[in-house]
PDB file of N, CA and C in Angstrom:
ATOM      1  N   UNK A   1      -3.621  15.392  38.521  1.00  0.00           N
ATOM      2  CA  UNK A   1      -2.288  15.643  38.057  1.00  0.00           C
ATOM      3  C   UNK A   1      -1.567  14.296  37.858  1.00  0.00           C
ATOM      4  N   UNK A   2      -0.906  14.115  36.722  1.00  0.00           N
ATOM      5  CA  UNK A   2      -0.204  12.876  36.378  1.00  0.00           C
ATOM      6  C   UNK A   2       1.175  12.868  37.030  1.00  0.00           C
ATOM      7  N   UNK A   3       1.521  11.728  37.673  1.00  0.00           N
ATOM      8  CA  UNK A   3       2.802  11.602  38.350  1.00  0.00           C
ATOM      9  C   UNK A   3       3.857  10.913  37.484  1.00  0.00           C
ATOM     10  N   UNK A   4       3.432  10.276  36.379  1.00  0.00           N
ATOM     11  CA  UNK A   4       4.381   9.597  35.498  1.00  0.00           C
ATOM     12  C   UNK A   4       5.167  10.607  34.689  1.00  0.00           C
ATOM     13  N   UNK A   5       6.471  10.428  34.642  1.00  0.00           N
ATOM     14  CA  UNK A   5       7.303  11.312  33.841  1.00  0.00           C
ATOM     15  C   UNK A   5       7.703  10.604  32.554  1.00  0.00           C
ATOM     16  N   UNK A   6       7.658  11.313  31.447  1.00  0.00           N
ATOM     17  CA  UNK A   6       8.036  10.773  30.152  1.00  0.00           C
ATOM     18  C   UNK A   6       9.437  11.231  29.803  1.00  0.00           C
ATOM     19  N   UNK A   7      10.255  10.264  29.335  1.00  0.00           N
ATOM     20  CA  UNK A   7      11.608  10.567  28.915  1.00  0.00           C
ATOM     21  C   UNK A   7      11.825   9.990  27.525  1.00  0.00           C
ATOM     22  N   UNK A   8      12.621  10.655  26.688  1.00  0.00           N
ATOM     23  CA  UNK A   8      12.872  10.127  25.349  1.00  0.00           C
ATOM     24  C   UNK A   8      13.725   8.853  25.404  1.00  0.00           C
ATOM     25  N   UNK A   9      13.425   7.900  24.513  1.00  0.00           N
ATOM     26  CA  UNK A   9      14.206   6.668  24.416  1.00  0.00           C
ATOM     27  C   UNK A   9      15.414   6.908  23.533  1.00  0.00           C
ATOM     28  N   UNK A  10      16.533   6.325  23.907  1.00  0.00           N
ATOM     29  CA  UNK A  10      17.732   6.507  23.104  1.00  0.00           C
ATOM     30  C   UNK A  10      17.791   5.500  21.962  1.00  0.00           C
ATOM     31  N   UNK A  11      17.307   4.249  22.183  1.00  0.00           N
ATOM     32  CA  UNK A  11      17.387   3.225  21.148  1.00  0.00           C
ATOM     33  C   UNK A  11      16.348   2.144  21.421  1.00  0.00           C
ATOM     34  N   UNK A  12      15.703   1.665  20.367  1.00  0.00           N
ATOM     35  CA  UNK A  12      14.745   0.570  20.484  1.00  0.00           C
ATOM     36  C   UNK A  12      15.258  -0.585  19.637  1.00  0.00           C
ATOM     37  N   UNK A  13      15.309  -1.781  20.218  1.00  0.00           N
ATOM     38  CA  UNK A  13      15.745  -2.965  19.500  1.00  0.00           C
ATOM     39  C   UNK A  13      14.568  -3.919  19.355  1.00  0.00           C
ATOM     40  N   UNK A  14      14.291  -4.350  18.115  1.00  0.00           N
ATOM     41  CA  UNK A  14      13.201  -5.290  17.858  1.00  0.00           C
ATOM     42  C   UNK A  14      13.825  -6.618  17.450  1.00  0.00           C
ATOM     43  N   UNK A  15      13.538  -7.669  18.207  1.00  0.00           N
ATOM     44  CA  UNK A  15      14.086  -8.989  17.918  1.00  0.00           C
ATOM     45  C   UNK A  15      13.054  -9.942  17.336  1.00  0.00           C
ATOM     46  N   UNK A  16      11.844  -9.498  17.116  1.00  0.00           N
ATOM     47  CA  UNK A  16      10.803 -10.356  16.582  1.00  0.00           C
ATOM     48  C   UNK A  16      10.915 -10.403  15.063  1.00  0.00           C
ATOM     49  N   UNK A  17      11.205 -11.591  14.459  1.00  0.00           N
ATOM     50  CA  UNK A  17      11.378 -11.669  13.008  1.00  0.00           C
ATOM     51  C   UNK A  17      10.111 -11.336  12.230  1.00  0.00           C
ATOM     52  N   UNK A  18       8.941 -11.480  12.846  1.00  0.00           N
ATOM     53  CA  UNK A  18       7.693 -11.149  12.165  1.00  0.00           C
ATOM     54  C   UNK A  18       7.553  -9.649  11.940  1.00  0.00           C
ATOM     55  N   UNK A  19       8.296  -8.854  12.695  1.00  0.00           N
ATOM     56  CA  UNK A  19       8.207  -7.406  12.578  1.00  0.00           C
ATOM     57  C   UNK A  19       9.311  -6.819  11.708  1.00  0.00           C
ATOM     58  N   UNK A  20      10.195  -7.661  11.209  1.00  0.00           N
ATOM     59  CA  UNK A  20      11.282  -7.174  10.363  1.00  0.00           C
ATOM     60  C   UNK A  20      10.702  -6.779   9.011  1.00  0.00           C
ATOM     61  N   UNK A  21      10.894  -5.543   8.610  1.00  0.00           N
ATOM     62  CA  UNK A  21      10.284  -5.063   7.379  1.00  0.00           C
ATOM     63  C   UNK A  21      11.077  -5.470   6.146  1.00  0.00           C
ATOM     64  N   UNK A  22      12.382  -5.644   6.273  1.00  0.00           N
ATOM     65  CA  UNK A  22      13.188  -6.014   5.115  1.00  0.00           C
ATOM     66  C   UNK A  22      13.372  -7.527   5.081  1.00  0.00           C
ATOM     67  N   UNK A  23      13.348  -8.070   3.894  1.00  0.00           N
ATOM     68  CA  UNK A  23      13.508  -9.490   3.708  1.00  0.00           C
ATOM     69  C   UNK A  23      14.226  -9.721   2.396  1.00  0.00           C
ATOM     70  N   UNK A  24      15.205 -10.582   2.404  1.00  0.00           N
ATOM     71  CA  UNK A  24      15.993 -10.840   1.211  1.00  0.00           C
ATOM     72  C   UNK A  24      15.793 -12.275   0.732  1.00  0.00           C
ATOM     73  N   UNK A  25      15.846 -12.513  -0.576  1.00  0.00           N
ATOM     74  CA  UNK A  25      15.674 -13.876  -1.091  1.00  0.00           C
ATOM     75  C   UNK A  25      16.923 -14.723  -0.858  1.00  0.00           C
ATOM     76  N   UNK A  26      16.713 -15.947  -0.386  1.00  0.00           N
ATOM     77  CA  UNK A  26      17.795 -16.916  -0.246  1.00  0.00           C
ATOM     78  C   UNK A  26      17.273 -18.283  -0.676  1.00  0.00           C
ATOM     79  N   UNK A  27      18.193 -19.175  -0.989  1.00  0.00           N
ATOM     80  CA  UNK A  27      17.850 -20.543  -1.348  1.00  0.00           C
ATOM     81  C   UNK A  27      18.463 -21.467  -0.305  1.00  0.00           C
ATOM     82  N   UNK A  28      17.622 -22.283   0.334  1.00  0.00           N
ATOM     83  CA  UNK A  28      18.074 -23.261   1.310  1.00  0.00           C
ATOM     84  C   UNK A  28      18.381 -24.547   0.553  1.00  0.00           C
ATOM     85  N   UNK A  29      19.578 -25.093   0.777  1.00  0.00           N
ATOM     86  CA  UNK A  29      20.015 -26.312   0.106  1.00  0.00           C
ATOM     87  C   UNK A  29      20.195 -27.399   1.158  1.00  0.00           C
ATOM     88  N   UNK A  30      19.579 -28.558   0.928  1.00  0.00           N
ATOM     89  CA  UNK A  30      19.701 -29.701   1.842  1.00  0.00           C
ATOM     90  C   UNK A  30      20.392 -30.835   1.102  1.00  0.00           C
ATOM     91  N   UNK A  31      21.409 -31.421   1.733  1.00  0.00           N
ATOM     92  CA  UNK A  31      22.150 -32.509   1.091  1.00  0.00           C
ATOM     93  C   UNK A  31      21.589 -33.858   1.519  1.00  0.00           C
ATOM     94  N   UNK A  32      21.970 -34.891   0.792  1.00  0.00           N
ATOM     95  CA  UNK A  32      21.498 -36.251   1.074  1.00  0.00           C
ATOM     96  C   UNK A  32      21.940 -36.733   2.453  1.00  0.00           C
ATOM     97  N   UNK A  33      23.089 -36.249   2.926  1.00  0.00           N
ATOM     98  CA  UNK A  33      23.587 -36.640   4.244  1.00  0.00           C
ATOM     99  C   UNK A  33      23.051 -35.753   5.370  1.00  0.00           C
ATOM    100  N   UNK A  34      22.164 -34.803   5.043  1.00  0.00           N
ATOM    101  CA  UNK A  34      21.495 -34.017   6.074  1.00  0.00           C
ATOM    102  C   UNK A  34      22.082 -32.653   6.373  1.00  0.00           C
ATOM    103  N   UNK A  35      23.040 -32.189   5.603  1.00  0.00           N
ATOM    104  CA  UNK A  35      23.611 -30.857   5.812  1.00  0.00           C
ATOM    105  C   UNK A  35      22.722 -29.820   5.137  1.00  0.00           C
ATOM    106  N   UNK A  36      22.582 -28.657   5.768  1.00  0.00           N
ATOM    107  CA  UNK A  36      21.838 -27.566   5.143  1.00  0.00           C
ATOM    108  C   UNK A  36      22.723 -26.326   5.085  1.00  0.00           C
ATOM    109  N   UNK A  37      22.485 -25.533   4.059  1.00  0.00           N
ATOM    110  CA  UNK A  37      23.172 -24.252   3.942  1.00  0.00           C
ATOM    111  C   UNK A  37      22.283 -23.325   3.140  1.00  0.00           C
ATOM    112  N   UNK A  38      22.591 -22.047   3.179  1.00  0.00           N
ATOM    113  CA  UNK A  38      21.807 -21.051   2.457  1.00  0.00           C
ATOM    114  C   UNK A  38      22.710 -20.324   1.473  1.00  0.00           C
ATOM    115  N   UNK A  39      22.127 -20.001   0.323  1.00  0.00           N
ATOM    116  CA  UNK A  39      22.829 -19.251  -0.704  1.00  0.00           C
ATOM    117  C   UNK A  39      21.982 -18.022  -1.009  1.00  0.00           C
ATOM    118  N   UNK A  40      22.603 -16.870  -1.093  1.00  0.00           N
ATOM    119  CA  UNK A  40      21.856 -15.642  -1.362  1.00  0.00           C
ATOM    120  C   UNK A  40      21.254 -15.683  -2.761  1.00  0.00           C
ATOM    121  N   UNK A  41      19.976 -15.311  -2.860  1.00  0.00           N
ATOM    122  CA  UNK A  41      19.293 -15.207  -4.139  1.00  0.00           C
ATOM    123  C   UNK A  41      18.358 -16.362  -4.440  1.00  0.00           C
ATOM    124  N   UNK A  42      17.578 -16.201  -5.508  1.00  0.00           N
ATOM    125  CA  UNK A  42      16.661 -17.225  -6.025  1.00  0.00           C
ATOM    126  C   UNK A  42      17.084 -17.582  -7.444  1.00  0.00           C
ATOM    127  N   UNK A  43      16.471 -18.608  -8.009  1.00  0.00           N
ATOM    128  CA  UNK A  43      16.744 -19.062  -9.378  1.00  0.00           C
ATOM    129  C   UNK A  43      18.229 -19.329  -9.602  1.00  0.00           C
ATOM    130  N   UNK A  44      18.834 -20.053  -8.672  1.00  0.00           N
ATOM    131  CA  UNK A  44      20.262 -20.345  -8.715  1.00  0.00           C
ATOM    132  C   UNK A  44      20.479 -21.705  -9.374  1.00  0.00           C
ATOM    133  N   UNK A  45      21.479 -21.801 -10.240  1.00  0.00           N
ATOM    134  CA  UNK A  45      21.855 -23.064 -10.856  1.00  0.00           C
ATOM    135  C   UNK A  45      22.662 -23.864  -9.833  1.00  0.00           C
ATOM    136  N   UNK A  46      22.063 -24.925  -9.295  1.00  0.00           N
ATOM    137  CA  UNK A  46      22.705 -25.710  -8.242  1.00  0.00           C
ATOM    138  C   UNK A  46      23.531 -26.865  -8.789  1.00  0.00           C
ATOM    139  N   UNK A  47      23.633 -26.997 -10.117  1.00  0.00           N
ATOM    140  CA  UNK A  47      24.395 -28.102 -10.698  1.00  0.00           C
ATOM    141  C   UNK A  47      25.889 -27.980 -10.387  1.00  0.00           C
ATOM    142  N   UNK A  48      26.378 -26.784 -10.159  1.00  0.00           N
ATOM    143  CA  UNK A  48      27.796 -26.574  -9.833  1.00  0.00           C
ATOM    144  C   UNK A  48      28.056 -26.527  -8.335  1.00  0.00           C
ATOM    145  N   UNK A  49      27.009 -26.695  -7.513  1.00  0.00           N
ATOM    146  CA  UNK A  49      27.171 -26.602  -6.056  1.00  0.00           C
ATOM    147  C   UNK A  49      28.028 -27.765  -5.560  1.00  0.00           C
ATOM    148  N   UNK A  50      28.983 -27.469  -4.687  1.00  0.00           N
ATOM    149  CA  UNK A  50      29.917 -28.477  -4.193  1.00  0.00           C
ATOM    150  C   UNK A  50      29.426 -29.050  -2.862  1.00  0.00           C
ATOM    151  N   UNK A  51      29.624 -30.348  -2.700  1.00  0.00           N
ATOM    152  CA  UNK A  51      29.270 -31.060  -1.479  1.00  0.00           C
ATOM    153  C   UNK A  51      30.466 -31.901  -1.045  1.00  0.00           C
ATOM    154  N   UNK A  52      30.423 -32.392   0.189  1.00  0.00           N
ATOM    155  CA  UNK A  52      31.486 -33.267   0.677  1.00  0.00           C
ATOM    156  C   UNK A  52      31.464 -34.572  -0.123  1.00  0.00           C
ATOM    157  N   UNK A  53      32.562 -35.272  -0.094  1.00  0.00           N
ATOM    158  CA  UNK A  53      32.673 -36.521  -0.837  1.00  0.00           C
ATOM    159  C   UNK A  53      31.587 -37.505  -0.397  1.00  0.00           C
ATOM    160  N   UNK A  54      30.876 -38.086  -1.352  1.00  0.00           N
ATOM    161  CA  UNK A  54      29.806 -39.036  -1.068  1.00  0.00           C
ATOM    162  C   UNK A  54      28.461 -38.394  -0.806  1.00  0.00           C
ATOM    163  N   UNK A  55      28.405 -37.083  -0.844  1.00  0.00           N
ATOM    164  CA  UNK A  55      27.161 -36.359  -0.591  1.00  0.00           C
ATOM    165  C   UNK A  55      26.687 -35.699  -1.880  1.00  0.00           C
ATOM    166  N   UNK A  56      25.390 -35.421  -1.967  1.00  0.00           N
ATOM    167  CA  UNK A  56      24.843 -34.741  -3.142  1.00  0.00           C
ATOM    168  C   UNK A  56      23.571 -33.999  -2.757  1.00  0.00           C
ATOM    169  N   UNK A  57      23.059 -33.232  -3.686  1.00  0.00           N
ATOM    170  CA  UNK A  57      21.864 -32.424  -3.462  1.00  0.00           C
ATOM    171  C   UNK A  57      20.648 -33.318  -3.248  1.00  0.00           C
ATOM    172  N   UNK A  58      19.900 -33.053  -2.186  1.00  0.00           N
ATOM    173  CA  UNK A  58      18.636 -33.750  -1.940  1.00  0.00           C
ATOM    174  C   UNK A  58      17.463 -32.860  -2.311  1.00  0.00           C
ATOM    175  N   UNK A  59      17.487 -31.602  -1.830  1.00  0.00           N
ATOM    176  CA  UNK A  59      16.370 -30.685  -2.085  1.00  0.00           C
ATOM    177  C   UNK A  59      16.835 -29.251  -1.921  1.00  0.00           C
ATOM    178  N   UNK A  60      16.087 -28.345  -2.530  1.00  0.00           N
ATOM    179  CA  UNK A  60      16.340 -26.915  -2.350  1.00  0.00           C
ATOM    180  C   UNK A  60      15.008 -26.215  -2.201  1.00  0.00           C
ATOM    181  N   UNK A  61      15.032 -25.081  -1.528  1.00  0.00           N
ATOM    182  CA  UNK A  61      13.819 -24.329  -1.236  1.00  0.00           C
ATOM    183  C   UNK A  61      14.119 -22.846  -1.305  1.00  0.00           C
ATOM    184  N   UNK A  62      13.359 -22.126  -2.121  1.00  0.00           N
ATOM    185  CA  UNK A  62      13.537 -20.675  -2.216  1.00  0.00           C
ATOM    186  C   UNK A  62      12.651 -20.007  -1.174  1.00  0.00           C
ATOM    187  N   UNK A  63      13.276 -19.239  -0.279  1.00  0.00           N
ATOM    188  CA  UNK A  63      12.567 -18.584   0.824  1.00  0.00           C
ATOM    189  C   UNK A  63      13.073 -17.148   0.957  1.00  0.00           C
ATOM    190  N   UNK A  64      12.502 -16.440   1.906  1.00  0.00           N
ATOM    191  CA  UNK A  64      12.957 -15.105   2.272  1.00  0.00           C
ATOM    192  C   UNK A  64      13.634 -15.208   3.640  1.00  0.00           C
ATOM    193  N   UNK A  65      14.503 -14.258   3.955  1.00  0.00           N
ATOM    194  CA  UNK A  65      15.295 -14.336   5.187  1.00  0.00           C
ATOM    195  C   UNK A  65      14.456 -14.296   6.463  1.00  0.00           C
ATOM    196  N   UNK A  66      13.246 -13.763   6.398  1.00  0.00           N
ATOM    197  CA  UNK A  66      12.425 -13.738   7.609  1.00  0.00           C
ATOM    198  C   UNK A  66      11.425 -14.889   7.667  1.00  0.00           C
ATOM    199  N   UNK A  67      11.556 -15.891   6.777  1.00  0.00           N
ATOM    200  CA  UNK A  67      10.719 -17.090   6.831  1.00  0.00           C
ATOM    201  C   UNK A  67      11.284 -18.074   7.847  1.00  0.00           C
ATOM    202  N   UNK A  68      10.421 -18.951   8.341  1.00  0.00           N
ATOM    203  CA  UNK A  68      10.851 -20.005   9.248  1.00  0.00           C
ATOM    204  C   UNK A  68      10.947 -21.310   8.476  1.00  0.00           C
ATOM    205  N   UNK A  69      12.006 -22.069   8.732  1.00  0.00           N
ATOM    206  CA  UNK A  69      12.228 -23.357   8.095  1.00  0.00           C
ATOM    207  C   UNK A  69      11.906 -24.439   9.122  1.00  0.00           C
ATOM    208  N   UNK A  70      11.071 -25.400   8.739  1.00  0.00           N
ATOM    209  CA  UNK A  70      10.719 -26.515   9.613  1.00  0.00           C
ATOM    210  C   UNK A  70      11.340 -27.775   9.032  1.00  0.00           C
ATOM    211  N   UNK A  71      12.099 -28.500   9.859  1.00  0.00           N
ATOM    212  CA  UNK A  71      12.778 -29.715   9.413  1.00  0.00           C
ATOM    213  C   UNK A  71      12.278 -30.908  10.221  1.00  0.00           C
ATOM    214  N   UNK A  72      11.931 -31.982   9.522  1.00  0.00           N
ATOM    215  CA  UNK A  72      11.473 -33.214  10.138  1.00  0.00           C
ATOM    216  C   UNK A  72      12.579 -34.252  10.014  1.00  0.00           C
ATOM    217  N   UNK A  73      12.932 -34.894  11.119  1.00  0.00           N
ATOM    218  CA  UNK A  73      13.992 -35.892  11.121  1.00  0.00           C
ATOM    219  C   UNK A  73      13.404 -37.300  11.124  1.00  0.00           C
ATOM    220  N   UNK A  74      14.227 -38.270  10.756  1.00  0.00           N
ATOM    221  CA  UNK A  74      13.781 -39.659  10.707  1.00  0.00           C
ATOM    222  C   UNK A  74      13.436 -40.206  12.084  1.00  0.00           C
ATOM    223  N   UNK A  75      13.996 -39.621  13.129  1.00  0.00           N
ATOM    224  CA  UNK A  75      13.731 -40.111  14.483  1.00  0.00           C
ATOM    225  C   UNK A  75      12.477 -39.474  15.103  1.00  0.00           C
ATOM    226  N   UNK A  76      11.735 -38.700  14.313  1.00  0.00           N
ATOM    227  CA  UNK A  76      10.489 -38.110  14.794  1.00  0.00           C
ATOM    228  C   UNK A  76      10.618 -36.711  15.360  1.00  0.00           C
ATOM    229  N   UNK A  77      11.814 -36.183  15.434  1.00  0.00           N
ATOM    230  CA  UNK A  77      12.004 -34.829  15.950  1.00  0.00           C
ATOM    231  C   UNK A  77      11.719 -33.799  14.865  1.00  0.00           C
ATOM    232  N   UNK A  78      11.281 -32.636  15.315  1.00  0.00           N
ATOM    233  CA  UNK A  78      10.989 -31.526  14.414  1.00  0.00           C
ATOM    234  C   UNK A  78      11.757 -30.309  14.908  1.00  0.00           C
ATOM    235  N   UNK A  79      12.409 -29.606  13.984  1.00  0.00           N
ATOM    236  CA  UNK A  79      13.190 -28.422  14.326  1.00  0.00           C
ATOM    237  C   UNK A  79      12.693 -27.238  13.510  1.00  0.00           C
ATOM    238  N   UNK A  80      12.688 -26.061  14.113  1.00  0.00           N
ATOM    239  CA  UNK A  80      12.338 -24.825  13.431  1.00  0.00           C
ATOM    240  C   UNK A  80      13.514 -23.862  13.562  1.00  0.00           C
ATOM    241  N   UNK A  81      13.866 -23.227  12.447  1.00  0.00           N
ATOM    242  CA  UNK A  81      14.954 -22.262  12.454  1.00  0.00           C
ATOM    243  C   UNK A  81      14.585 -21.112  11.518  1.00  0.00           C
ATOM    244  N   UNK A  82      14.952 -19.909  11.907  1.00  0.00           N
ATOM    245  CA  UNK A  82      14.742 -18.757  11.056  1.00  0.00           C
ATOM    246  C   UNK A  82      15.699 -18.857   9.871  1.00  0.00           C
ATOM    247  N   UNK A  83      15.214 -18.651   8.660  1.00  0.00           N
ATOM    248  CA  UNK A  83      16.027 -18.804   7.454  1.00  0.00           C
ATOM    249  C   UNK A  83      17.272 -17.933   7.510  1.00  0.00           C
ATOM    250  N   UNK A  84      17.179 -16.765   8.087  1.00  0.00           N
ATOM    251  CA  UNK A  84      18.328 -15.869   8.208  1.00  0.00           C
ATOM    252  C   UNK A  84      19.430 -16.500   9.041  1.00  0.00           C
ATOM    253  N   UNK A  85      19.096 -17.346  10.017  1.00  0.00           N
ATOM    254  CA  UNK A  85      20.093 -18.002  10.848  1.00  0.00           C
ATOM    255  C   UNK A  85      20.865 -19.073  10.076  1.00  0.00           C
ATOM    256  N   UNK A  86      20.245 -19.683   9.070  1.00  0.00           N
ATOM    257  CA  UNK A  86      20.954 -20.647   8.230  1.00  0.00           C
ATOM    258  C   UNK A  86      21.998 -19.902   7.407  1.00  0.00           C
ATOM    259  N   UNK A  87      21.648 -18.721   6.954  1.00  0.00           N
ATOM    260  CA  UNK A  87      22.555 -17.907   6.152  1.00  0.00           C
ATOM    261  C   UNK A  87      23.793 -17.518   6.953  1.00  0.00           C
ATOM    262  N   UNK A  88      23.651 -17.338   8.244  1.00  0.00           N
ATOM    263  CA  UNK A  88      24.750 -16.871   9.091  1.00  0.00           C
ATOM    264  C   UNK A  88      25.701 -17.987   9.507  1.00  0.00           C
ATOM    265  N   UNK A  89      25.333 -19.245   9.280  1.00  0.00           N
ATOM    266  CA  UNK A  89      26.203 -20.353   9.715  1.00  0.00           C
ATOM    267  C   UNK A  89      27.209 -20.706   8.667  1.00  0.00           C
TER     268      UNK A  89
END
């Protein structure tokens, strides 16, 4: 006879980005002074994108919101951030 009792779960929360089924296109923009931001969508004309005075576009990358972004710094440090988190900042 089994002593374990089964009860229905009220809510399940999944925090693992690899298991997220929905993913949206975003474009990560990196400026010459090291600022990053995300813009919703792909194939975006970045010629009109505004930057702080003295700053300009260095690079852009089209990704999905559940992709991981890896950044290498001049001092040898490496950072990883979920693309969706860049969108939220």
